[in-house]
Protein backbone atom coordinates (compact mmCIF):
# COMPACT_ATOMS: atom_id res chain seq x y z
CA MET A 1 108.76 176.49 117.28
CA ARG A 2 105.30 178.28 117.05
CA PHE A 3 102.12 177.52 118.44
CA LEU A 4 98.60 178.68 117.42
CA LEU A 5 96.24 178.12 120.76
CA SER A 6 92.65 178.27 120.04
CA GLY A 7 90.52 178.89 123.11
CA TYR A 8 87.54 180.77 124.63
CA TYR A 9 90.18 183.75 125.73
CA GLY A 10 89.96 187.29 126.28
CA TYR A 11 86.60 187.19 127.87
CA ASP A 12 87.26 187.86 131.30
CA ASN A 13 86.86 184.21 132.80
CA ALA A 14 89.45 183.12 135.13
CA GLY A 15 88.91 179.45 134.52
CA ASP A 16 89.79 180.09 130.62
CA GLU A 17 92.42 182.28 130.91
CA ALA A 18 94.05 180.02 133.48
CA VAL A 19 93.92 177.42 131.28
CA LEU A 20 95.91 179.74 128.75
CA ALA A 21 98.15 180.58 131.74
CA ALA A 22 99.13 176.90 132.22
CA ILE A 23 99.48 176.25 128.46
CA LEU A 24 102.08 179.04 128.04
CA ALA A 25 103.94 178.34 131.06
CA GLN A 26 104.26 174.37 130.98
CA VAL A 27 104.91 174.33 126.87
CA SER A 28 107.56 176.98 127.29
CA GLU A 29 109.31 175.63 130.17
CA GLN A 30 109.54 172.20 128.29
CA ALA A 31 110.51 173.99 125.07
CA PRO A 32 112.38 177.48 126.06
CA GLY A 33 112.57 179.93 123.19
CA CYS A 34 109.06 179.06 121.54
CA GLU A 35 106.52 181.43 120.44
CA PHE A 36 102.49 181.80 120.42
CA VAL A 37 99.86 183.02 119.17
CA ALA A 38 96.50 183.04 121.14
CA THR A 39 93.06 183.67 119.69
CA SER A 40 91.08 186.21 121.79
CA GLY A 41 87.86 187.95 122.10
CA ALA A 42 90.42 191.02 123.35
CA PRO A 43 93.66 190.72 121.84
CA ASP A 44 95.29 193.67 123.59
CA THR A 45 93.93 192.74 127.19
CA THR A 46 95.01 188.98 126.52
CA THR A 47 98.40 189.85 125.38
CA LYS A 48 99.03 192.31 128.28
CA LEU A 49 97.62 189.85 131.13
CA HIS A 50 99.82 186.78 129.88
CA ALA A 51 102.80 188.88 128.59
CA SER A 52 106.16 187.21 129.93
CA ALA A 53 109.97 187.13 129.05
CA GLN A 54 109.64 183.33 129.08
CA TYR A 55 108.49 183.57 125.84
CA GLY A 56 106.84 185.56 122.85
CA LEU A 57 102.95 186.17 122.88
CA ARG A 58 100.86 187.89 120.56
CA CYS A 59 96.93 187.52 120.06
CA VAL A 60 94.88 187.37 117.08
CA GLY A 61 91.04 188.13 117.40
CA ARG A 62 88.95 185.04 117.36
CA ASP A 63 86.63 186.50 114.62
CA ASP A 64 89.14 187.76 112.44
CA PHE A 65 88.93 185.18 109.95
CA GLY A 66 91.69 186.59 107.54
CA GLY A 67 94.17 187.05 110.58
CA LEU A 68 93.28 183.53 111.48
CA TRP A 69 94.01 181.88 108.30
CA ARG A 70 97.35 183.88 108.19
CA GLU A 71 98.55 182.39 111.45
CA ILE A 72 97.15 179.29 110.95
CA LYS A 73 99.54 179.17 107.76
CA GLN A 74 102.62 180.83 109.95
CA CYS A 75 102.02 178.38 112.69
CA ASP A 76 104.01 174.76 113.21
CA VAL A 77 101.32 173.47 115.79
CA PHE A 78 97.73 174.33 115.91
CA VAL A 79 96.56 173.43 119.26
CA SER A 80 92.88 173.20 120.16
CA GLY A 81 91.75 173.62 123.95
CA GLY A 82 91.96 173.35 126.44
CA GLY A 83 88.66 174.04 128.19
CA SER A 84 85.09 172.92 127.18
CA LEU A 85 85.40 174.06 123.56
CA LEU A 86 83.57 170.95 121.82
CA GLN A 87 79.86 170.74 123.29
CA ASP A 88 76.77 171.91 121.95
CA VAL A 89 75.20 172.82 125.15
CA THR A 90 75.27 176.57 124.73
CA SER A 91 75.25 176.50 120.63
CA LEU A 92 76.03 174.45 117.64
CA ARG A 93 77.96 177.72 116.76
CA ASN A 94 80.73 176.41 119.08
CA ILE A 95 81.07 173.08 117.24
CA VAL A 96 80.86 174.78 113.64
CA TYR A 97 83.46 177.05 114.81
CA TYR A 98 86.11 175.44 116.60
CA THR A 99 85.90 172.42 114.27
CA GLY A 100 86.27 174.65 111.54
CA LEU A 101 89.34 176.13 112.73
CA ILE A 102 90.64 172.40 112.87
CA ARG A 103 89.84 171.96 109.24
CA LEU A 104 91.73 175.21 108.36
CA ALA A 105 94.72 173.53 110.46
CA GLN A 106 94.40 170.48 107.82
CA LEU A 107 94.08 172.70 104.66
CA ALA A 108 97.23 174.74 105.81
CA ARG A 109 98.85 170.76 106.31
CA LYS A 110 99.62 172.03 109.89
CA PRO A 111 99.83 169.28 112.56
CA ALA A 112 97.07 169.80 115.25
CA MET A 113 96.43 168.77 119.00
CA ILE A 114 93.27 168.37 120.98
CA TYR A 115 94.70 169.79 124.15
CA ALA A 116 93.39 168.24 127.52
CA GLN A 117 89.75 169.17 126.40
CA GLY A 118 86.66 168.35 128.32
CA ILE A 119 84.40 167.23 125.35
CA GLY A 120 81.04 167.43 125.22
CA PRO A 121 77.91 167.19 125.62
CA LEU A 122 77.35 166.74 122.21
CA LYS A 123 73.58 166.26 121.68
CA LYS A 124 73.00 167.15 117.79
CA PRO A 125 73.60 164.40 115.27
CA LEU A 126 75.43 167.27 113.25
CA SER A 127 77.30 168.11 116.27
CA GLN A 128 78.72 164.39 116.30
CA LYS A 129 79.35 164.37 112.92
CA LEU A 130 81.33 167.60 112.74
CA THR A 131 83.64 166.48 115.69
CA ARG A 132 84.26 162.92 114.62
CA ALA A 133 85.32 164.56 110.91
CA ALA A 134 87.77 166.80 112.80
CA LEU A 135 89.41 164.52 115.05
CA GLN A 136 89.63 161.58 112.34
CA SER A 137 91.27 163.87 110.12
CA LYS A 138 95.09 163.05 109.33
CA ASN A 139 96.44 166.40 110.59
CA THR A 140 94.74 166.09 114.12
CA ARG A 141 98.11 163.98 115.39
CA VAL A 142 96.97 163.92 119.15
CA ILE A 143 93.96 163.85 121.20
CA ALA A 144 94.16 164.32 124.89
CA VAL A 145 91.38 165.04 127.03
CA ARG A 146 91.04 165.88 130.57
CA ASP A 147 88.64 162.95 131.91
CA PRO A 148 87.68 159.55 131.07
CA GLY A 149 83.97 160.38 129.91
CA SER A 150 85.41 162.49 127.13
CA LYS A 151 87.42 159.58 125.91
CA ALA A 152 84.12 157.50 126.30
CA LEU A 153 81.96 159.86 124.44
CA LEU A 154 84.64 160.37 121.38
CA GLU A 155 84.87 156.64 121.13
CA LYS A 156 80.84 156.19 121.24
CA ILE A 157 80.53 158.61 118.40
CA GLY A 158 83.27 156.88 116.44
CA VAL A 159 86.64 158.46 116.84
CA ARG A 160 88.89 155.59 116.06
CA LYS A 161 92.42 157.10 116.99
CA ASN A 162 94.45 156.72 119.83
CA ILE A 163 92.98 159.02 122.56
CA GLU A 164 94.73 159.93 125.68
CA VAL A 165 93.40 160.86 129.09
CA THR A 166 95.69 163.48 130.79
CA ALA A 167 94.37 166.37 132.91
CA ASP A 168 93.21 169.67 133.02
CA PRO A 169 96.45 171.96 132.58
CA VAL A 170 95.39 174.56 135.64
CA TRP A 171 96.12 171.20 137.88
CA ALA A 172 100.06 172.00 137.47
CA LEU A 173 99.66 175.90 137.37
CA ARG A 174 101.69 177.37 140.19
CA PRO A 175 99.59 180.23 142.26
CA GLN A 176 101.47 183.30 142.71
CA GLY A 177 104.30 183.29 145.01
CA GLY A 178 104.07 179.46 145.42
CA THR A 179 101.25 179.74 147.82
CA THR A 180 100.08 176.57 149.19
CA HIS A 181 97.28 175.70 151.66
CA GLN A 182 97.60 176.24 155.28
CA ARG A 183 94.92 176.27 157.75
CA GLN A 184 94.31 179.64 159.27
CA ASN A 185 93.89 180.01 163.00
CA GLY A 186 90.36 181.38 164.23
CA SER A 187 86.98 180.68 162.61
CA PRO A 188 87.24 178.50 159.28
CA VAL A 189 86.71 180.51 155.96
CA TRP A 190 84.58 179.08 153.29
CA MET A 191 84.89 180.47 149.79
CA VAL A 192 82.08 180.33 147.42
CA SER A 193 81.97 180.34 143.66
CA LEU A 194 78.61 180.89 142.16
CA ARG A 195 77.17 181.09 138.44
CA SER A 196 73.77 180.98 137.17
CA TRP A 197 72.37 177.41 137.70
CA LEU A 198 71.36 176.15 134.06
CA ASN A 199 68.25 173.65 134.09
CA ALA A 200 68.14 173.34 137.67
CA GLY A 201 64.61 172.68 137.48
CA VAL A 202 63.94 174.37 140.72
CA PRO A 203 62.77 178.30 140.93
CA ASP A 204 65.00 180.57 142.63
CA ALA A 205 67.54 177.78 142.62
CA GLU A 206 71.02 180.18 143.10
CA ALA A 207 68.78 181.85 146.05
CA ALA A 208 67.96 178.37 147.67
CA LEU A 209 71.40 177.30 147.41
CA LEU A 210 73.00 180.59 149.15
CA ALA A 211 70.25 180.42 151.85
CA THR A 212 71.68 176.97 152.75
CA ILE A 213 75.22 177.52 152.34
CA ARG A 214 74.66 180.70 154.51
CA GLU A 215 73.06 178.38 157.36
CA ALA A 216 75.63 175.82 157.05
CA ALA A 217 78.39 178.30 157.61
CA LYS A 218 76.68 179.73 160.47
CA ALA A 219 76.36 176.65 162.28
CA GLN A 220 80.08 176.09 161.78
CA ASN A 221 81.02 179.58 162.73
CA ALA A 222 82.49 179.76 159.44
CA THR A 223 83.09 183.25 157.29
CA LEU A 224 81.66 183.24 153.85
CA ARG A 225 83.91 184.89 151.05
CA PHE A 226 82.39 184.95 147.47
CA LEU A 227 84.98 184.23 144.74
CA ALA A 228 83.86 185.88 141.27
CA MET A 229 85.69 183.83 138.59
CA GLN A 230 83.85 185.67 135.69
CA PRO A 231 83.66 189.30 137.53
CA ALA A 232 81.01 190.83 135.22
CA ARG A 233 78.59 187.93 135.43
CA ASP A 234 79.47 186.40 139.28
CA ARG A 235 79.62 189.26 140.86
CA ALA A 236 76.19 190.61 139.43
CA LEU A 237 74.63 187.08 140.31
CA THR A 238 75.96 187.49 143.99
CA GLU A 239 75.06 191.08 144.73
CA ALA A 240 71.33 190.18 143.07
CA LEU A 241 71.06 187.73 145.81
CA GLY A 242 72.02 189.90 148.34
CA VAL A 243 75.51 189.35 149.04
CA ALA A 244 77.60 192.49 150.44
CA PRO A 245 80.07 194.05 148.65
CA GLN A 246 82.63 193.26 151.35
CA GLU A 247 81.73 189.73 151.21
CA ILE A 248 82.86 189.31 147.49
CA LEU A 249 86.62 189.09 146.61
CA ALA A 250 87.65 191.59 143.95
CA THR A 251 89.32 189.46 140.89
CA GLU A 252 88.92 192.19 138.34
CA ASN A 253 92.07 192.32 136.42
CA MET A 254 94.07 189.87 138.40
CA HIS A 255 96.04 186.99 136.83
CA PRO A 256 94.68 183.73 137.25
CA ARG A 257 98.06 182.93 139.44
CA GLU A 258 96.87 185.59 141.84
CA ILE A 259 93.04 184.31 142.07
CA MET A 260 94.85 180.91 142.32
CA ALA A 261 96.88 182.09 145.39
CA LEU A 262 93.60 183.60 147.16
CA THR A 263 91.92 180.13 146.98
CA SER A 264 94.52 178.56 149.24
CA GLN A 265 93.45 181.01 152.17
CA CYS A 266 90.18 179.12 152.48
CA ASP A 267 89.26 176.06 154.65
CA LEU A 268 86.65 174.71 151.94
CA MET A 269 85.58 175.75 148.42
CA ILE A 270 82.06 175.19 147.59
CA ALA A 271 81.83 175.82 143.75
CA MET A 272 79.95 175.83 140.39
CA ARG A 273 82.83 177.04 138.55
CA LEU A 274 84.91 174.07 137.71
CA HIS A 275 88.43 175.81 137.91
CA ALA A 276 87.44 177.37 141.04
CA LEU A 277 87.37 173.56 142.32
CA ILE A 278 90.45 172.82 140.33
CA PHE A 279 92.33 176.02 141.97
CA ALA A 280 91.26 174.91 145.60
CA ALA A 281 91.69 171.18 145.03
CA ALA A 282 95.23 171.32 143.40
CA GLN A 283 96.40 173.37 146.68
CA GLY A 284 95.10 170.71 149.09
CA VAL A 285 91.74 172.71 150.04
CA PRO A 286 88.60 170.20 150.57
CA CYS A 287 85.85 170.92 148.12
CA VAL A 288 82.23 170.54 147.70
CA ALA A 289 81.03 170.83 144.24
CA VAL A 290 77.61 172.04 143.36
CA SER A 291 76.88 170.63 139.51
CA TYR A 292 75.32 172.62 137.10
CA ASP A 293 76.94 170.65 134.31
CA PRO A 294 78.05 167.28 133.38
CA LYS A 295 81.82 168.45 133.67
CA VAL A 296 81.63 169.75 137.30
CA SER A 297 80.17 166.36 138.45
CA ALA A 298 82.99 164.22 136.44
CA LEU A 299 85.73 166.48 138.38
CA ALA A 300 83.85 165.84 141.67
CA LYS A 301 84.26 162.23 141.08
CA LEU A 302 87.75 162.46 140.03
CA ILE A 303 88.62 164.39 143.45
CA SER A 304 85.99 162.36 145.54
CA ALA A 305 84.31 165.69 146.64
CA PRO A 306 80.70 165.63 147.73
CA VAL A 307 78.17 166.94 144.98
CA VAL A 308 75.07 168.70 145.21
CA ALA A 309 73.41 167.68 142.13
CA ASN A 310 70.22 169.82 142.06
CA ALA A 311 68.41 172.77 144.30
CA SER A 312 66.08 170.25 145.93
CA PRO A 313 65.84 170.03 149.83
CA GLU A 314 67.39 166.39 149.86
CA GLU A 315 70.44 167.87 147.57
CA LEU A 316 71.01 171.08 149.47
CA ALA A 317 70.87 169.02 152.98
CA LYS A 318 74.35 167.85 151.86
CA LEU A 319 75.78 171.15 152.81
CA HIS A 320 74.61 170.80 156.49
CA ALA A 321 76.96 167.59 156.86
CA VAL A 322 80.02 169.00 155.26
CA ASN A 323 82.81 166.77 156.20
CA THR A 324 85.33 166.87 153.63
CA ALA A 325 89.02 165.89 153.26
CA PRO A 326 91.65 167.16 150.88
CA PRO A 327 92.63 165.19 147.65
CA PRO A 328 95.63 163.14 148.97
CA ALA A 329 99.05 164.61 148.05
CA SER A 330 99.92 161.68 145.89
CA PHE A 331 96.91 162.43 143.73
CA ILE A 332 97.53 165.93 143.36
CA GLU A 333 101.04 165.09 141.86
CA GLU A 334 99.62 162.44 139.70
CA MET A 335 97.16 165.22 138.16
CA GLN A 336 100.04 167.79 137.82
CA SER A 337 102.37 165.20 136.17
CA LYS A 338 99.29 164.36 133.61
CA ALA A 339 98.71 168.20 133.39
CA ARG A 340 102.43 168.81 132.28
CA ARG A 341 102.37 165.54 130.02
CA ASN A 342 99.88 167.79 127.49
CA ALA A 343 102.81 170.08 126.85
CA GLU A 344 105.16 167.30 126.12
CA LEU A 345 102.75 165.96 123.52
CA ALA A 346 102.57 169.11 122.15
CA ILE A 347 106.09 169.85 121.43
CA ASN A 348 106.54 166.13 120.52
CA ILE A 349 103.54 166.42 117.91
CA ARG A 350 105.59 166.42 114.95
CA ASN A 351 107.11 162.76 115.83
CA SER A 352 103.56 161.25 116.76
């Protein structure tokens, strides 16, 4: 059985690579001997990073439309996701591209699945129209989304098919060595995952956030470590803010499982990056979410984590009163089960 996986892979983003790693692991565990073709911005790099004896993997350039069409015609199941593919915040081109691939799968008469995506925002009428048409098409057999808000948005724009709320596949990704969180002796370690704060409405929002984090950490005698989930961008940002190189965890060329294992060594995760929060929460590490995007707020609500919604003094003051608890073990098990449900849906898509 051959799956074509369409996503934002090959751009050195640990979150997106973790999604791919989780899909590969979970589908191959439930369907031994299957093969995968993944779209990628750097096919050779993606193939090397995710190669495994468990499954066959090839990659095709995401802009190689001739190659994409050949692979779509040869696959058994077309998978769109996970991640946040169907959104128009960054550009309408996202919607055109990803719904276009779903329509190509329709032309090739291949069953398609929306795999645990976080949908939206879909601000433009054309974005809503293209998304509705692609998901309402006959060949889109399964629609699975990672949060209730995504389901509500699809229903709002007129998708009338069954929509199942599962969970981000990364919840069930196993860290390297099977590490789980254990509180370290000595002063606490706070891990921080920053990115540029879009639409913050506050000049120098990132600098204000970092200053407050440092103040709060000092008050609680905590050591800070900075996690670069997308090294080229995140490291440049943290260094520009004056973070010392020795405070930044080197994640270049690391497999997502290795990065996930790093997060198990902290006592608190303060993150803007969605998958930094999932990495930590899935291992029982308390979290504080810094929300630059609705998807981060949605996750924070799901895991009952405090949210810093903007860079105003009132919001940043929340960091001085950090008193969080990790997600209950029963909740983590539930999310892991929902994450594995995605793989089950993909494997059984022909019967849907």
